[in-house]
């Protein structure tokens, strides 16, 4: 759970923007969760994450050279 959102606000935001929860998990820590590869593939181009993380995830998902 995030320190800056109440549980109710967090769920509301996560449902409004599906990529939002994924972006936060990558930027602030997974807290034991695993990323769903299908959802990650769908939203990876839209995510506002550091470039090196994006390249690393592309390498894992598609074996894409950098």
Protein backbone atom coordinates (compact mmCIF):
# COMPACT_ATOMS: atom_id res chain seq x y z
CA UNK A 1 0.00 0.00 0.00
CA UNK A 2 1.15 3.51 -0.68
CA UNK A 3 1.96 6.05 1.97
CA UNK A 4 0.34 8.90 0.04
CA UNK A 5 -3.10 7.38 -0.60
CA UNK A 6 -5.78 5.95 1.65
CA UNK A 7 -6.84 2.41 0.69
CA UNK A 8 -10.12 3.74 -0.72
CA UNK A 9 -8.39 6.41 -2.84
CA UNK A 10 -5.78 3.90 -4.01
CA UNK A 11 -8.40 1.44 -5.28
CA UNK A 12 -10.37 4.22 -6.97
CA UNK A 13 -7.28 5.50 -8.79
CA UNK A 14 -6.10 1.98 -9.74
CA UNK A 15 -9.47 1.22 -11.34
CA UNK A 16 -9.65 4.55 -13.16
CA UNK A 17 -6.20 4.14 -14.72
CA UNK A 18 -5.06 0.49 -14.94
CA UNK A 19 -1.48 1.41 -15.80
CA UNK A 20 -1.20 3.60 -12.71
CA UNK A 21 -0.87 0.72 -10.23
CA UNK A 22 1.68 -1.00 -12.47
CA UNK A 23 3.73 2.18 -12.79
CA UNK A 24 3.74 2.70 -9.03
CA UNK A 25 4.76 -0.91 -8.39
CA UNK A 26 7.74 -0.58 -10.74
CA UNK A 27 8.82 2.83 -9.41
CA UNK A 28 8.27 2.29 -5.68
CA UNK A 29 8.64 -1.46 -5.16
CA UNK A 30 6.58 -4.55 -5.75
CA UNK A 31 6.19 -5.47 -2.06
CA UNK A 32 6.21 -9.17 -2.85
CA UNK A 33 3.84 -8.94 -5.83
CA UNK A 34 4.70 -10.34 -9.24
CA UNK A 35 4.06 -8.43 -12.44
CA UNK A 36 1.60 -9.91 -14.91
CA UNK A 37 3.52 -10.15 -18.22
CA UNK A 38 0.40 -9.62 -20.36
CA UNK A 39 -0.57 -6.43 -18.56
CA UNK A 40 3.05 -5.25 -18.61
CA UNK A 41 3.27 -5.81 -22.38
CA UNK A 42 0.05 -3.88 -22.92
CA UNK A 43 1.01 -0.81 -20.87
CA UNK A 44 4.83 -0.71 -21.10
CA UNK A 45 4.96 1.94 -23.86
CA UNK A 46 2.76 4.28 -21.76
CA UNK A 47 4.54 3.87 -18.44
CA UNK A 48 6.42 6.82 -16.98
CA UNK A 49 9.38 4.91 -15.61
CA UNK A 50 13.13 5.47 -15.90
CA UNK A 51 14.53 4.55 -19.31
CA UNK A 52 16.89 1.92 -17.94
CA UNK A 53 14.00 0.10 -16.24
CA UNK A 54 11.97 0.20 -19.43
CA UNK A 55 14.89 -1.23 -21.43
CA UNK A 56 15.39 -3.97 -18.83
CA UNK A 57 11.71 -4.93 -18.92
CA UNK A 58 11.74 -5.00 -22.73
CA UNK A 59 14.75 -7.30 -22.56
CA UNK A 60 12.91 -9.63 -20.18
CA UNK A 61 9.64 -9.61 -22.10
CA UNK A 62 10.77 -9.72 -25.71
CA UNK A 63 14.48 -10.49 -25.49
CA UNK A 64 14.90 -7.16 -27.27
CA UNK A 65 18.50 -5.96 -27.56
CA UNK A 66 19.29 -2.48 -26.33
